[in-house]
Amino acid sequence: MRKISTRMWVHEDSMAMLGTRLPLRMTIIKLSDDSLWMCTPTPHNAQIQNRVAAMGELKYIVATSNGHNLFLEDWQRAFPDASVYVASGIPKKRPNLKNYTRLRDLAAPPWQEDLQMLPMDGAPFFDEHMFYHGRSKSLLVTDFFQNYTGVKQKGLGKIITKLLLEPLGFKGKCLAPPLKTKFAVKDRQALRASLDRIWNLDIECVVLAHGDILEQDAKQEIRRLCQRFYD
């Protein structure tokens, strides 16, 4: 766990993907009422649980994209009093998950004083919800944008990355490769409208779930990656 900005911490771990280790980052924000908001949970263990508990009351656990469900139930069991919010596709993937709310069912998110929720419409494969933390001018992104510039694989993972993942598009600063296909993007106009809300924000940092955080020209970098949706 390390502090990266005012009232914001990250925990960095990894998850398995096609024989490699995909970098994974969990973000925790201390809200105005001093409770904690968590998104994209990393693998749970007692050490990180104790560290989070020492920071304050974990009030919200948020699974911001359909693909981020593997560790959700572990964290819910560890913090049973926390409210759980999920992307729309997660209940089908986690049928044993109980006491949750779909993010798209929220008319007024309880954390809206601190975080602006930005659903990415038109791309139901991910059903991603980005979040903007105004105090730190940070955009939190789960799957849409990724950054493998500084990621090094070893052994078999290095071979798989070179022969399979990089040709698919998991290379450098990139869009999630499925976003380049028609099956992932169903409504380009709706997606452009969602992205347009981002360009109006004052963004200095993009905290990614996968790969290095973007701090230099962060907004310009993600806008460049999204140009394909405007062409």
C-alpha atoms as a PDB file:
ATOM      1  CA  MET A   1       0.000   0.000   0.000  1.00  0.00           C
ATOM      2  CA  ARG A   2       1.425   3.374  -0.950  1.00  0.00           C
ATOM      3  CA  LYS A   3       0.044   6.881  -0.928  1.00  0.00           C
ATOM      4  CA  ILE A   4       0.020   8.520  -4.361  1.00  0.00           C
ATOM      5  CA  SER A   5      -2.014  11.667  -3.731  1.00  0.00           C
ATOM      6  CA  THR A   6      -4.103  13.514  -1.168  1.00  0.00           C
ATOM      7  CA  ARG A   7      -6.343  10.916   0.499  1.00  0.00           C
ATOM      8  CA  MET A   8      -5.563   8.313  -2.176  1.00  0.00           C
ATOM      9  CA  TRP A   9      -3.626   5.044  -1.876  1.00  0.00           C
ATOM     10  CA  VAL A  10      -2.922   2.132  -4.205  1.00  0.00           C
ATOM     11  CA  HIS A  11      -2.014  -1.498  -3.693  1.00  0.00           C
ATOM     12  CA  GLU A  12      -0.196  -3.194  -6.551  1.00  0.00           C
ATOM     13  CA  ASP A  13      -0.328  -6.912  -7.257  1.00  0.00           C
ATOM     14  CA  SER A  14      -1.003  -9.087 -10.294  1.00  0.00           C
ATOM     15  CA  MET A  15      -3.436 -11.615 -11.718  1.00  0.00           C
ATOM     16  CA  ALA A  16      -3.039 -14.557 -14.099  1.00  0.00           C
ATOM     17  CA  MET A  17      -3.863 -14.055 -17.779  1.00  0.00           C
ATOM     18  CA  LEU A  18      -3.065 -16.557 -20.548  1.00  0.00           C
ATOM     19  CA  GLY A  19       0.061 -17.860 -18.854  1.00  0.00           C
ATOM     20  CA  THR A  20       1.371 -14.422 -17.855  1.00  0.00           C
ATOM     21  CA  ARG A  21       1.054 -12.177 -14.818  1.00  0.00           C
ATOM     22  CA  LEU A  22      -1.060  -9.121 -15.566  1.00  0.00           C
ATOM     23  CA  PRO A  23      -0.289  -6.127 -13.313  1.00  0.00           C
ATOM     24  CA  LEU A  24      -3.273  -5.189 -11.156  1.00  0.00           C
ATOM     25  CA  ARG A  25      -3.777  -2.053  -9.074  1.00  0.00           C
ATOM     26  CA  MET A  26      -6.378  -1.467  -6.371  1.00  0.00           C
ATOM     27  CA  THR A  27      -7.219   2.117  -5.440  1.00  0.00           C
ATOM     28  CA  ILE A  28      -8.488   3.301  -2.048  1.00  0.00           C
ATOM     29  CA  ILE A  29      -9.775   6.815  -1.417  1.00  0.00           C
ATOM     30  CA  LYS A  30     -10.574   8.407   1.928  1.00  0.00           C
ATOM     31  CA  LEU A  31     -13.837  10.290   1.474  1.00  0.00           C
ATOM     32  CA  SER A  32     -14.900  13.546   3.077  1.00  0.00           C
ATOM     33  CA  ASP A  33     -16.531  11.680   5.972  1.00  0.00           C
ATOM     34  CA  ASP A  34     -13.222   9.795   6.503  1.00  0.00           C
ATOM     35  CA  SER A  35     -14.695   6.470   5.365  1.00  0.00           C
ATOM     36  CA  LEU A  36     -12.904   4.446   2.683  1.00  0.00           C
ATOM     37  CA  TRP A  37     -13.909   3.738  -0.916  1.00  0.00           C
ATOM     38  CA  MET A  38     -12.166   0.852  -2.737  1.00  0.00           C
ATOM     39  CA  CYS A  39     -12.166  -0.149  -6.402  1.00  0.00           C
ATOM     40  CA  THR A  40     -10.647  -2.984  -8.468  1.00  0.00           C
ATOM     41  CA  PRO A  41      -9.769  -5.258  -5.508  1.00  0.00           C
ATOM     42  CA  THR A  42      -6.453  -7.090  -5.674  1.00  0.00           C
ATOM     43  CA  PRO A  43      -6.014 -10.615  -4.234  1.00  0.00           C
ATOM     44  CA  HIS A  44      -7.006 -10.613  -0.584  1.00  0.00           C
ATOM     45  CA  ASN A  45      -4.712 -11.626   2.272  1.00  0.00           C
ATOM     46  CA  ALA A  46      -4.598 -10.932   5.992  1.00  0.00           C
ATOM     47  CA  GLN A  47      -1.736  -8.453   5.749  1.00  0.00           C
ATOM     48  CA  ILE A  48      -3.427  -6.137   3.263  1.00  0.00           C
ATOM     49  CA  GLN A  49      -6.757  -6.558   5.067  1.00  0.00           C
ATOM     50  CA  ASN A  50      -5.189  -5.336   8.301  1.00  0.00           C
ATOM     51  CA  ARG A  51      -3.560  -2.429   6.511  1.00  0.00           C
ATOM     52  CA  VAL A  52      -6.889  -1.331   5.053  1.00  0.00           C
ATOM     53  CA  ALA A  53      -8.678  -1.758   8.394  1.00  0.00           C
ATOM     54  CA  ALA A  54      -6.073   0.454  10.070  1.00  0.00           C
ATOM     55  CA  MET A  55      -6.814   3.253   7.612  1.00  0.00           C
ATOM     56  CA  GLY A  56     -10.451   3.614   8.634  1.00  0.00           C
ATOM     57  CA  GLU A  57     -13.913   2.215   7.930  1.00  0.00           C
ATOM     58  CA  LEU A  58     -14.138   0.522   4.539  1.00  0.00           C
ATOM     59  CA  LYS A  59     -17.603   1.641   3.500  1.00  0.00           C
ATOM     60  CA  TYR A  60     -17.700   0.893  -0.235  1.00  0.00           C
ATOM     61  CA  ILE A  61     -16.229  -1.888  -2.390  1.00  0.00           C
ATOM     62  CA  VAL A  62     -16.660  -1.174  -6.091  1.00  0.00           C
ATOM     63  CA  ALA A  63     -16.134  -3.577  -8.994  1.00  0.00           C
ATOM     64  CA  THR A  64     -15.980  -1.058 -11.813  1.00  0.00           C
ATOM     65  CA  SER A  65     -15.814  -3.343 -14.861  1.00  0.00           C
ATOM     66  CA  ASN A  66     -17.255  -6.744 -15.762  1.00  0.00           C
ATOM     67  CA  GLY A  67     -13.838  -8.376 -15.783  1.00  0.00           C
ATOM     68  CA  HIS A  68     -12.958  -7.438 -12.215  1.00  0.00           C
ATOM     69  CA  ASN A  69     -14.780  -9.965 -10.092  1.00  0.00           C
ATOM     70  CA  LEU A  70     -12.242 -12.623  -9.072  1.00  0.00           C
ATOM     71  CA  PHE A  71     -11.437 -11.255  -5.615  1.00  0.00           C
ATOM     72  CA  LEU A  72     -14.672  -9.438  -4.883  1.00  0.00           C
ATOM     73  CA  GLU A  73     -16.259 -12.075  -2.650  1.00  0.00           C
ATOM     74  CA  ASP A  74     -13.072 -12.435  -0.572  1.00  0.00           C
ATOM     75  CA  TRP A  75     -13.128  -8.733   0.233  1.00  0.00           C
ATOM     76  CA  GLN A  76     -16.842  -8.795   0.931  1.00  0.00           C
ATOM     77  CA  ARG A  77     -16.324 -11.589   3.464  1.00  0.00           C
ATOM     78  CA  ALA A  78     -13.427  -9.678   5.030  1.00  0.00           C
ATOM     79  CA  PHE A  79     -15.516  -6.494   5.370  1.00  0.00           C
ATOM     80  CA  PRO A  80     -19.159  -7.656   5.660  1.00  0.00           C
ATOM     81  CA  ASP A  81     -20.395  -4.194   6.674  1.00  0.00           C
ATOM     82  CA  ALA A  82     -19.127  -2.597   3.458  1.00  0.00           C
ATOM     83  CA  SER A  83     -21.628  -1.923   0.663  1.00  0.00           C
ATOM     84  CA  VAL A  84     -20.747  -3.642  -2.631  1.00  0.00           C
ATOM     85  CA  TYR A  85     -21.367  -2.061  -6.048  1.00  0.00           C
ATOM     86  CA  VAL A  86     -20.770  -3.887  -9.316  1.00  0.00           C
ATOM     87  CA  ALA A  87     -20.785  -3.588 -13.090  1.00  0.00           C
ATOM     88  CA  SER A  88     -23.852  -5.136 -14.704  1.00  0.00           C
ATOM     89  CA  GLY A  89     -22.253  -8.379 -15.900  1.00  0.00           C
ATOM     90  CA  ILE A  90     -20.710  -9.427 -12.600  1.00  0.00           C
ATOM     91  CA  PRO A  91     -23.767 -11.061 -10.945  1.00  0.00           C
ATOM     92  CA  LYS A  92     -23.863 -13.685 -13.726  1.00  0.00           C
ATOM     93  CA  LYS A  93     -20.178 -14.396 -13.235  1.00  0.00           C
ATOM     94  CA  ARG A  94     -20.493 -14.511  -9.434  1.00  0.00           C
ATOM     95  CA  PRO A  95     -23.876 -16.173  -8.751  1.00  0.00           C
ATOM     96  CA  ASN A  96     -23.019 -16.580  -5.058  1.00  0.00           C
ATOM     97  CA  LEU A  97     -22.422 -12.873  -4.590  1.00  0.00           C
ATOM     98  CA  LYS A  98     -25.006 -11.434  -2.213  1.00  0.00           C
ATOM     99  CA  ASN A  99     -26.075  -7.961  -1.076  1.00  0.00           C
ATOM    100  CA  TYR A 100     -24.808  -5.922  -3.995  1.00  0.00           C
ATOM    101  CA  THR A 101     -26.067  -3.001  -6.057  1.00  0.00           C
ATOM    102  CA  ARG A 102     -25.501  -2.557  -9.780  1.00  0.00           C
ATOM    103  CA  LEU A 103     -23.743   0.688 -10.544  1.00  0.00           C
ATOM    104  CA  ARG A 104     -26.228   1.424 -13.308  1.00  0.00           C
ATOM    105  CA  ASP A 105     -29.076   1.311 -10.786  1.00  0.00           C
ATOM    106  CA  LEU A 106     -27.612   4.235  -8.836  1.00  0.00           C
ATOM    107  CA  ALA A 107     -29.470   7.491  -9.370  1.00  0.00           C
ATOM    108  CA  ALA A 108     -27.351   9.359  -6.819  1.00  0.00           C
ATOM    109  CA  PRO A 109     -24.144   7.543  -5.764  1.00  0.00           C
ATOM    110  CA  PRO A 110     -23.492   7.930  -2.027  1.00  0.00           C
ATOM    111  CA  TRP A 111     -19.902   9.022  -2.715  1.00  0.00           C
ATOM    112  CA  GLN A 112     -20.779  11.750  -5.225  1.00  0.00           C
ATOM    113  CA  GLU A 113     -19.419  14.529  -2.996  1.00  0.00           C
ATOM    114  CA  ASP A 114     -15.926  13.139  -3.607  1.00  0.00           C
ATOM    115  CA  LEU A 115     -16.114  11.100  -6.797  1.00  0.00           C
ATOM    116  CA  GLN A 116     -17.864  11.659 -10.104  1.00  0.00           C
ATOM    117  CA  MET A 117     -19.025   8.405 -11.692  1.00  0.00           C
ATOM    118  CA  LEU A 118     -18.567   8.183 -15.472  1.00  0.00           C
ATOM    119  CA  PRO A 119     -20.274   5.153 -17.055  1.00  0.00           C
ATOM    120  CA  MET A 120     -18.899   4.181 -20.450  1.00  0.00           C
ATOM    121  CA  ASP A 121     -22.062   3.677 -22.493  1.00  0.00           C
ATOM    122  CA  GLY A 122     -22.091   1.754 -25.744  1.00  0.00           C
ATOM    123  CA  ALA A 123     -19.509  -0.849 -24.663  1.00  0.00           C
ATOM    124  CA  PRO A 124     -21.449  -3.476 -22.641  1.00  0.00           C
ATOM    125  CA  PHE A 125     -18.654  -6.056 -22.897  1.00  0.00           C
ATOM    126  CA  PHE A 126     -16.883  -4.115 -20.131  1.00  0.00           C
ATOM    127  CA  ASP A 127     -19.736  -1.972 -18.760  1.00  0.00           C
ATOM    128  CA  GLU A 128     -16.918   0.058 -17.268  1.00  0.00           C
ATOM    129  CA  HIS A 129     -17.483   2.964 -14.899  1.00  0.00           C
ATOM    130  CA  MET A 130     -14.605   5.400 -14.585  1.00  0.00           C
ATOM    131  CA  PHE A 131     -14.356   7.734 -11.601  1.00  0.00           C
ATOM    132  CA  TYR A 132     -12.999  11.258 -11.304  1.00  0.00           C
ATOM    133  CA  HIS A 133     -11.492  12.355  -7.996  1.00  0.00           C
ATOM    134  CA  GLY A 134     -11.596  16.132  -8.140  1.00  0.00           C
ATOM    135  CA  ARG A 135      -9.384  16.769  -5.130  1.00  0.00           C
ATOM    136  CA  SER A 136      -6.406  15.080  -6.789  1.00  0.00           C
ATOM    137  CA  LYS A 137      -7.513  15.709 -10.396  1.00  0.00           C
ATOM    138  CA  SER A 138      -7.246  11.965 -11.010  1.00  0.00           C
ATOM    139  CA  LEU A 139      -9.216   9.750 -13.378  1.00  0.00           C
ATOM    140  CA  LEU A 140      -9.552   6.126 -12.209  1.00  0.00           C
ATOM    141  CA  VAL A 141      -9.671   3.640 -15.086  1.00  0.00           C
ATOM    142  CA  THR A 142     -10.048  -0.126 -14.901  1.00  0.00           C
ATOM    143  CA  ASP A 143      -9.851  -1.762 -18.335  1.00  0.00           C
ATOM    144  CA  PHE A 144     -10.409   0.833 -21.069  1.00  0.00           C
ATOM    145  CA  PHE A 145      -6.880   2.239 -20.997  1.00  0.00           C
ATOM    146  CA  GLN A 146      -3.803   0.214 -20.079  1.00  0.00           C
ATOM    147  CA  ASN A 147      -0.068   0.896 -19.958  1.00  0.00           C
ATOM    148  CA  TYR A 148       2.496  -1.859 -20.362  1.00  0.00           C
ATOM    149  CA  THR A 149       5.426   0.449 -21.096  1.00  0.00           C
ATOM    150  CA  GLY A 150       7.363  -0.582 -17.994  1.00  0.00           C
ATOM    151  CA  VAL A 151       6.018  -4.120 -17.546  1.00  0.00           C
ATOM    152  CA  LYS A 152       8.559  -6.940 -17.841  1.00  0.00           C
ATOM    153  CA  GLN A 153       7.597 -10.599 -18.121  1.00  0.00           C
ATOM    154  CA  LYS A 154       9.859 -13.568 -17.354  1.00  0.00           C
ATOM    155  CA  GLY A 155      10.277 -17.085 -18.690  1.00  0.00           C
ATOM    156  CA  LEU A 156       7.252 -18.528 -20.480  1.00  0.00           C
ATOM    157  CA  GLY A 157       5.267 -15.365 -19.779  1.00  0.00           C
ATOM    158  CA  LYS A 158       7.787 -13.367 -21.797  1.00  0.00           C
ATOM    159  CA  ILE A 159       7.386 -15.711 -24.772  1.00  0.00           C
ATOM    160  CA  ILE A 160       3.568 -15.657 -24.572  1.00  0.00           C
ATOM    161  CA  THR A 161       3.600 -11.868 -24.344  1.00  0.00           C
ATOM    162  CA  LYS A 162       5.816 -11.537 -27.407  1.00  0.00           C
ATOM    163  CA  LEU A 163       4.022 -14.081 -29.578  1.00  0.00           C
ATOM    164  CA  LEU A 164       0.409 -13.614 -28.478  1.00  0.00           C
ATOM    165  CA  LEU A 165      -0.433 -10.642 -26.268  1.00  0.00           C
ATOM    166  CA  GLU A 166       1.573  -7.935 -28.005  1.00  0.00           C
ATOM    167  CA  PRO A 167       0.185  -8.834 -31.463  1.00  0.00           C
ATOM    168  CA  LEU A 168      -3.309  -8.655 -29.934  1.00  0.00           C
ATOM    169  CA  GLY A 169      -2.577  -5.118 -28.763  1.00  0.00           C
ATOM    170  CA  PHE A 170      -1.412  -5.511 -25.148  1.00  0.00           C
ATOM    171  CA  LYS A 171       1.608  -3.306 -25.731  1.00  0.00           C
ATOM    172  CA  GLY A 172       2.749   0.106 -24.517  1.00  0.00           C
ATOM    173  CA  LYS A 173      -0.007   2.626 -23.848  1.00  0.00           C
ATOM    174  CA  CYS A 174      -3.091   1.045 -25.352  1.00  0.00           C
ATOM    175  CA  LEU A 175      -6.833   0.710 -25.457  1.00  0.00           C
ATOM    176  CA  ALA A 176      -8.076  -2.622 -24.158  1.00  0.00           C
ATOM    177  CA  PRO A 177      -7.787  -4.685 -27.371  1.00  0.00           C
ATOM    178  CA  PRO A 178     -11.489  -5.795 -27.387  1.00  0.00           C
ATOM    179  CA  LEU A 179     -12.449  -2.125 -27.845  1.00  0.00           C
ATOM    180  CA  LYS A 180     -11.071  -2.352 -31.373  1.00  0.00           C
ATOM    181  CA  THR A 181     -13.755  -4.897 -32.309  1.00  0.00           C
ATOM    182  CA  LYS A 182     -17.454  -4.602 -33.103  1.00  0.00           C
ATOM    183  CA  PHE A 183     -18.480  -7.177 -30.504  1.00  0.00           C
ATOM    184  CA  ALA A 184     -17.205  -4.957 -27.668  1.00  0.00           C
ATOM    185  CA  VAL A 185     -18.402  -1.580 -28.965  1.00  0.00           C
ATOM    186  CA  LYS A 186     -22.096  -1.751 -29.826  1.00  0.00           C
ATOM    187  CA  ASP A 187     -22.847   1.973 -30.043  1.00  0.00           C
ATOM    188  CA  ARG A 188     -19.999   4.273 -31.062  1.00  0.00           C
ATOM    189  CA  GLN A 189     -22.131   7.396 -30.710  1.00  0.00           C
ATOM    190  CA  ALA A 190     -23.038   6.533 -27.111  1.00  0.00           C
ATOM    191  CA  LEU A 191     -19.401   5.765 -26.331  1.00  0.00           C
ATOM    192  CA  ARG A 192     -18.262   9.069 -27.825  1.00  0.00           C
ATOM    193  CA  ALA A 193     -20.807  10.902 -25.658  1.00  0.00           C
ATOM    194  CA  SER A 194     -19.403   9.158 -22.590  1.00  0.00           C
ATOM    195  CA  LEU A 195     -15.853  10.032 -23.541  1.00  0.00           C
ATOM    196  CA  ASP A 196     -16.803  13.650 -24.218  1.00  0.00           C
ATOM    197  CA  ARG A 197     -17.630  14.025 -20.521  1.00  0.00           C
ATOM    198  CA  ILE A 198     -14.034  13.104 -19.713  1.00  0.00           C
ATOM    199  CA  TRP A 199     -12.481  15.721 -21.979  1.00  0.00           C
ATOM    200  CA  ASN A 200     -14.232  18.447 -19.982  1.00  0.00           C
ATOM    201  CA  LEU A 201     -12.528  17.389 -16.744  1.00  0.00           C
ATOM    202  CA  ASP A 202      -9.309  18.827 -15.328  1.00  0.00           C
ATOM    203  CA  ILE A 203      -7.198  15.646 -15.373  1.00  0.00           C
ATOM    204  CA  GLU A 204      -3.572  15.572 -14.297  1.00  0.00           C
ATOM    205  CA  CYS A 205      -3.231  11.862 -13.516  1.00  0.00           C
ATOM    206  CA  VAL A 206      -4.817   8.650 -14.831  1.00  0.00           C
ATOM    207  CA  VAL A 207      -4.689   5.838 -12.276  1.00  0.00           C
ATOM    208  CA  LEU A 208      -4.879   2.610 -14.246  1.00  0.00           C
ATOM    209  CA  ALA A 209      -5.761  -0.825 -12.932  1.00  0.00           C
ATOM    210  CA  HIS A 210      -3.351  -2.388 -15.437  1.00  0.00           C
ATOM    211  CA  GLY A 211       0.131  -0.981 -15.880  1.00  0.00           C
ATOM    212  CA  ASP A 212       1.973   2.178 -14.980  1.00  0.00           C
ATOM    213  CA  ILE A 213       0.026   5.237 -13.814  1.00  0.00           C
ATOM    214  CA  LEU A 214      -0.094   8.046 -16.410  1.00  0.00           C
ATOM    215  CA  GLU A 215       1.206  11.325 -14.995  1.00  0.00           C
ATOM    216  CA  GLN A 216       2.805  13.106 -17.953  1.00  0.00           C
ATOM    217  CA  ASP A 217       0.289  14.498 -20.464  1.00  0.00           C
ATOM    218  CA  ALA A 218      -2.207  12.005 -19.079  1.00  0.00           C
ATOM    219  CA  LYS A 219      -5.333  13.501 -20.595  1.00  0.00           C
ATOM    220  CA  GLN A 220      -3.689  13.968 -23.982  1.00  0.00           C
ATOM    221  CA  GLU A 221      -2.505  10.350 -23.964  1.00  0.00           C
ATOM    222  CA  ILE A 222      -5.942   8.857 -23.408  1.00  0.00           C
ATOM    223  CA  ARG A 223      -7.525  11.258 -25.877  1.00  0.00           C
ATOM    224  CA  ARG A 224      -5.029  10.095 -28.486  1.00  0.00           C
ATOM    225  CA  LEU A 225      -5.951   6.475 -27.801  1.00  0.00           C
ATOM    226  CA  CYS A 226      -9.640   7.282 -28.242  1.00  0.00           C
ATOM    227  CA  GLN A 227      -9.296   9.057 -31.580  1.00  0.00           C
ATOM    228  CA  ARG A 228     -10.367   5.877 -33.392  1.00  0.00           C
ATOM    229  CA  PHE A 229     -13.889   6.325 -31.991  1.00  0.00           C
ATOM    230  CA  TYR A 230     -14.144   9.780 -33.594  1.00  0.00           C
ATOM    231  CA  ASP A 231     -12.770   8.948 -37.054  1.00  0.00           C
END
